Amino acid sequence: MLTRMAFVAGAGIGYILGARAGREQYEKIMNAAAMQKAREVATARGNEFMDTAKHALHMGGEEKASGPGRQPTAPDREVHNAQQAANPTWSNT
């Protein structure tokens, strides 16, 4: 009976220690995966920026992102509305 209790206690301790070591390894793997995903997102955004910059350089300034003839987009209107709400004295120039 004592041998059986010692075996069960040893198995329990081994399970707990193994689970803790396994959890640490799991955390390392998940952190590495998250960092890789962040690198991929940053690379994709960097590539998108470079493509936009190359296109702008290729166009030679023919298309301007802003100017008197430019129509405001929905995000522009949202920014404008937010600025007006935050500062009622903001002018519409």
N, C-alpha and C. Protein backbone atom coordinates (compact mmCIF):
# COMPACT_ATOMS: atom_id res chain seq x y z
N MET A 1 0.82 -1.18 0.00
CA MET A 1 0.00 0.00 0.00
C MET A 1 0.87 1.26 0.00
N LEU A 2 1.93 1.26 0.81
CA LEU A 2 2.84 2.39 0.87
C LEU A 2 3.56 2.57 -0.46
N THR A 3 3.88 1.49 -1.11
CA THR A 3 4.55 1.55 -2.39
C THR A 3 3.62 2.17 -3.44
N ARG A 4 2.37 1.81 -3.38
CA ARG A 4 1.40 2.34 -4.33
C ARG A 4 1.23 3.86 -4.12
N MET A 5 1.16 4.31 -2.86
CA MET A 5 1.01 5.74 -2.57
C MET A 5 2.25 6.51 -3.01
N ALA A 6 3.44 5.92 -2.82
CA ALA A 6 4.67 6.57 -3.25
C ALA A 6 4.69 6.68 -4.77
N PHE A 7 4.24 5.65 -5.45
CA PHE A 7 4.19 5.69 -6.91
C PHE A 7 3.23 6.78 -7.40
N VAL A 8 2.06 6.85 -6.80
CA VAL A 8 1.06 7.85 -7.20
C VAL A 8 1.59 9.26 -6.92
N ALA A 9 2.24 9.45 -5.76
CA ALA A 9 2.80 10.76 -5.42
C ALA A 9 3.90 11.13 -6.42
N GLY A 10 4.77 10.19 -6.75
CA GLY A 10 5.84 10.44 -7.71
C GLY A 10 5.29 10.75 -9.09
N ALA A 11 4.27 10.01 -9.49
CA ALA A 11 3.65 10.27 -10.79
C ALA A 11 3.00 11.65 -10.82
N GLY A 12 2.37 12.02 -9.71
CA GLY A 12 1.75 13.35 -9.64
C GLY A 12 2.77 14.47 -9.72
N ILE A 13 3.87 14.31 -8.98
CA ILE A 13 4.93 15.33 -9.02
C ILE A 13 5.54 15.40 -10.42
N GLY A 14 5.78 14.25 -11.01
CA GLY A 14 6.32 14.22 -12.37
C GLY A 14 5.39 14.88 -13.37
N TYR A 15 4.10 14.66 -13.21
CA TYR A 15 3.12 15.27 -14.12
C TYR A 15 3.14 16.79 -13.98
N ILE A 16 3.17 17.26 -12.74
CA ILE A 16 3.16 18.71 -12.51
C ILE A 16 4.42 19.36 -13.08
N LEU A 17 5.58 18.77 -12.80
CA LEU A 17 6.82 19.34 -13.30
C LEU A 17 6.88 19.27 -14.83
N GLY A 18 6.41 18.18 -15.40
CA GLY A 18 6.39 18.05 -16.85
C GLY A 18 5.43 19.03 -17.50
N ALA A 19 4.28 19.23 -16.86
CA ALA A 19 3.31 20.18 -17.40
C ALA A 19 3.87 21.60 -17.35
N ARG A 20 4.58 21.93 -16.27
CA ARG A 20 5.16 23.26 -16.16
C ARG A 20 6.23 23.46 -17.23
N ALA A 21 7.08 22.46 -17.43
CA ALA A 21 8.12 22.56 -18.47
C ALA A 21 7.47 22.63 -19.85
N GLY A 22 6.42 21.87 -20.05
CA GLY A 22 5.71 21.90 -21.32
C GLY A 22 5.06 23.24 -21.57
N ARG A 23 4.54 23.85 -20.52
CA ARG A 23 3.91 25.17 -20.66
C ARG A 23 4.95 26.22 -21.03
N GLU A 24 6.13 26.14 -20.43
CA GLU A 24 7.20 27.09 -20.76
C GLU A 24 7.60 26.94 -22.23
N GLN A 25 7.72 25.71 -22.71
CA GLN A 25 8.07 25.48 -24.10
C GLN A 25 6.95 25.98 -25.02
N TYR A 26 5.70 25.76 -24.62
CA TYR A 26 4.55 26.25 -25.38
C TYR A 26 4.59 27.77 -25.48
N GLU A 27 4.90 28.43 -24.36
CA GLU A 27 4.98 29.90 -24.37
C GLU A 27 6.09 30.38 -25.30
N LYS A 28 7.23 29.70 -25.29
CA LYS A 28 8.32 30.08 -26.19
C LYS A 28 7.90 29.96 -27.65
N ILE A 29 7.24 28.86 -27.97
CA ILE A 29 6.79 28.64 -29.35
C ILE A 29 5.77 29.70 -29.75
N MET A 30 4.82 30.00 -28.87
CA MET A 30 3.80 30.99 -29.18
C MET A 30 4.41 32.38 -29.33
N ASN A 31 5.38 32.73 -28.49
CA ASN A 31 6.04 34.02 -28.61
C ASN A 31 6.80 34.13 -29.93
N ALA A 32 7.48 33.05 -30.30
CA ALA A 32 8.21 33.05 -31.57
C ALA A 32 7.25 33.19 -32.75
N ALA A 33 6.11 32.53 -32.68
CA ALA A 33 5.12 32.63 -33.74
C ALA A 33 4.54 34.04 -33.82
N ALA A 34 4.29 34.65 -32.68
CA ALA A 34 3.75 36.02 -32.67
C ALA A 34 4.76 37.00 -33.24
N MET A 35 6.03 36.82 -32.90
CA MET A 35 7.06 37.70 -33.43
C MET A 35 7.19 37.54 -34.94
N GLN A 36 7.11 36.31 -35.43
CA GLN A 36 7.18 36.06 -36.87
C GLN A 36 6.00 36.71 -37.58
N LYS A 37 4.82 36.61 -37.00
CA LYS A 37 3.63 37.23 -37.59
C LYS A 37 3.79 38.75 -37.63
N ALA A 38 4.34 39.33 -36.56
CA ALA A 38 4.56 40.78 -36.53
C ALA A 38 5.56 41.19 -37.61
N ARG A 39 6.59 40.38 -37.81
CA ARG A 39 7.57 40.68 -38.86
C ARG A 39 6.91 40.63 -40.24
N GLU A 40 6.05 39.63 -40.44
CA GLU A 40 5.38 39.51 -41.74
C GLU A 40 4.47 40.70 -41.99
N VAL A 41 3.74 41.15 -40.98
CA VAL A 41 2.86 42.30 -41.13
C VAL A 41 3.69 43.55 -41.42
N ALA A 42 4.79 43.72 -40.68
CA ALA A 42 5.64 44.89 -40.90
C ALA A 42 6.25 44.86 -42.29
N THR A 43 6.67 43.70 -42.74
CA THR A 43 7.24 43.58 -44.08
C THR A 43 6.19 43.90 -45.14
N ALA A 44 4.97 43.40 -44.95
CA ALA A 44 3.91 43.66 -45.91
C ALA A 44 3.59 45.16 -45.97
N ARG A 45 3.53 45.80 -44.81
CA ARG A 45 3.25 47.24 -44.80
C ARG A 45 4.40 48.02 -45.40
N GLY A 46 5.62 47.59 -45.14
CA GLY A 46 6.77 48.25 -45.74
C GLY A 46 6.77 48.11 -47.24
N ASN A 47 6.45 46.92 -47.73
CA ASN A 47 6.37 46.70 -49.17
C ASN A 47 5.27 47.54 -49.80
N GLU A 48 4.14 47.63 -49.10
CA GLU A 48 3.03 48.45 -49.60
C GLU A 48 3.46 49.92 -49.68
N PHE A 49 4.16 50.39 -48.67
CA PHE A 49 4.65 51.77 -48.67
C PHE A 49 5.62 51.99 -49.82
N MET A 50 6.54 51.04 -50.01
CA MET A 50 7.52 51.18 -51.08
C MET A 50 6.83 51.19 -52.45
N ASP A 51 5.83 50.34 -52.64
CA ASP A 51 5.10 50.33 -53.91
C ASP A 51 4.40 51.66 -54.15
N THR A 52 3.80 52.21 -53.09
CA THR A 52 3.14 53.50 -53.21
C THR A 52 4.14 54.60 -53.55
N ALA A 53 5.29 54.57 -52.87
CA ALA A 53 6.32 55.58 -53.12
C ALA A 53 6.86 55.46 -54.55
N LYS A 54 7.09 54.23 -55.01
CA LYS A 54 7.58 54.03 -56.37
C LYS A 54 6.56 54.53 -57.38
N HIS A 55 5.29 54.26 -57.11
CA HIS A 55 4.23 54.72 -58.02
C HIS A 55 4.20 56.25 -58.06
N ALA A 56 4.32 56.87 -56.89
CA ALA A 56 4.31 58.34 -56.83
C ALA A 56 5.51 58.92 -57.57
N LEU A 57 6.66 58.30 -57.42
CA LEU A 57 7.85 58.77 -58.14
C LEU A 57 7.69 58.56 -59.64
N HIS A 58 7.12 57.43 -60.01
CA HIS A 58 6.91 57.11 -61.42
C HIS A 58 5.95 58.11 -62.07
N MET A 59 4.93 58.52 -61.32
CA MET A 59 3.95 59.45 -61.86
C MET A 59 4.54 60.85 -61.97
N GLY A 60 5.62 61.13 -61.28
CA GLY A 60 6.29 62.41 -61.39
C GLY A 60 5.46 63.58 -60.89
N GLY A 61 4.61 63.33 -59.93
CA GLY A 61 3.81 64.42 -59.37
C GLY A 61 2.57 64.73 -60.17
N GLU A 62 2.25 63.92 -61.19
CA GLU A 62 1.06 64.18 -61.99
C GLU A 62 -0.20 64.03 -61.16
N GLU A 63 -0.21 63.02 -60.28
CA GLU A 63 -1.34 62.83 -59.39
C GLU A 63 -0.91 63.31 -58.02
N LYS A 64 -1.62 64.23 -57.48
CA LYS A 64 -1.29 64.73 -56.16
C LYS A 64 -2.29 64.19 -55.16
N ALA A 65 -1.78 63.88 -53.97
CA ALA A 65 -2.65 63.37 -52.92
C ALA A 65 -3.49 64.47 -52.32
N SER A 66 -3.04 65.71 -52.45
CA SER A 66 -3.83 66.81 -51.91
C SER A 66 -3.71 67.99 -52.84
N GLY A 67 -4.60 68.91 -52.72
CA GLY A 67 -4.56 70.09 -53.56
C GLY A 67 -5.94 70.65 -53.77
N PRO A 68 -6.02 71.76 -54.47
CA PRO A 68 -7.31 72.41 -54.64
C PRO A 68 -8.32 71.57 -55.41
N GLY A 69 -7.89 70.75 -56.36
CA GLY A 69 -8.82 69.96 -57.15
C GLY A 69 -9.15 68.62 -56.54
N ARG A 70 -8.64 68.33 -55.39
CA ARG A 70 -8.82 67.02 -54.77
C ARG A 70 -10.16 66.98 -54.04
N GLN A 71 -10.89 65.89 -54.24
CA GLN A 71 -12.15 65.70 -53.55
C GLN A 71 -11.88 65.06 -52.19
N PRO A 72 -12.51 65.53 -51.12
CA PRO A 72 -12.29 64.92 -49.81
C PRO A 72 -12.88 63.52 -49.76
N THR A 73 -12.19 62.66 -49.10
CA THR A 73 -12.66 61.28 -48.94
C THR A 73 -13.38 61.16 -47.61
N ALA A 74 -13.99 60.00 -47.39
CA ALA A 74 -14.72 59.78 -46.13
C ALA A 74 -13.80 59.93 -44.92
N PRO A 75 -12.57 59.37 -44.92
CA PRO A 75 -11.70 59.57 -43.76
C PRO A 75 -11.35 61.05 -43.55
N ASP A 76 -11.20 61.81 -44.66
CA ASP A 76 -10.93 63.24 -44.53
C ASP A 76 -12.08 63.94 -43.82
N ARG A 77 -13.30 63.58 -44.20
CA ARG A 77 -14.46 64.21 -43.57
C ARG A 77 -14.55 63.83 -42.10
N GLU A 78 -14.21 62.57 -41.77
CA GLU A 78 -14.23 62.14 -40.38
C GLU A 78 -13.22 62.92 -39.56
N VAL A 79 -12.02 63.12 -40.11
CA VAL A 79 -10.99 63.89 -39.41
C VAL A 79 -11.46 65.32 -39.24
N HIS A 80 -12.02 65.89 -40.30
CA HIS A 80 -12.52 67.26 -40.25
C HIS A 80 -13.59 67.40 -39.17
N ASN A 81 -14.54 66.46 -39.13
CA ASN A 81 -15.62 66.51 -38.14
C ASN A 81 -15.07 66.35 -36.73
N ALA A 82 -14.10 65.47 -36.57
CA ALA A 82 -13.50 65.27 -35.24
C ALA A 82 -12.76 66.52 -34.80
N GLN A 83 -12.06 67.18 -35.73
CA GLN A 83 -11.35 68.41 -35.38
C GLN A 83 -12.33 69.51 -35.01
N GLN A 84 -13.44 69.59 -35.72
CA GLN A 84 -14.44 70.60 -35.39
C GLN A 84 -15.06 70.34 -34.03
N ALA A 85 -15.31 69.07 -33.73
CA ALA A 85 -15.90 68.73 -32.44
C ALA A 85 -14.93 69.02 -31.30
N ALA A 86 -13.64 68.76 -31.53
CA ALA A 86 -12.64 68.97 -30.49
C ALA A 86 -12.34 70.45 -30.30
N ASN A 87 -12.42 71.23 -31.38
CA ASN A 87 -12.08 72.64 -31.31
C ASN A 87 -13.08 73.43 -32.16
N PRO A 88 -14.14 73.93 -31.54
CA PRO A 88 -15.19 74.60 -32.30
C PRO A 88 -14.69 75.86 -33.03
N THR A 89 -13.55 76.42 -32.63
CA THR A 89 -13.06 77.63 -33.28
C THR A 89 -12.21 77.30 -34.50
N TRP A 90 -12.06 76.02 -34.81
CA TRP A 90 -11.25 75.60 -35.95
C TRP A 90 -11.88 76.12 -37.23
N SER A 91 -11.09 76.71 -38.10
CA SER A 91 -11.64 77.31 -39.31
C SER A 91 -11.71 76.29 -40.44
N ASN A 92 -12.51 76.60 -41.43
CA ASN A 92 -12.68 75.73 -42.59
C ASN A 92 -11.80 76.19 -43.75
N THR A 93 -10.56 76.51 -43.51
CA THR A 93 -9.68 76.98 -44.59
C THR A 93 -8.89 75.85 -45.16
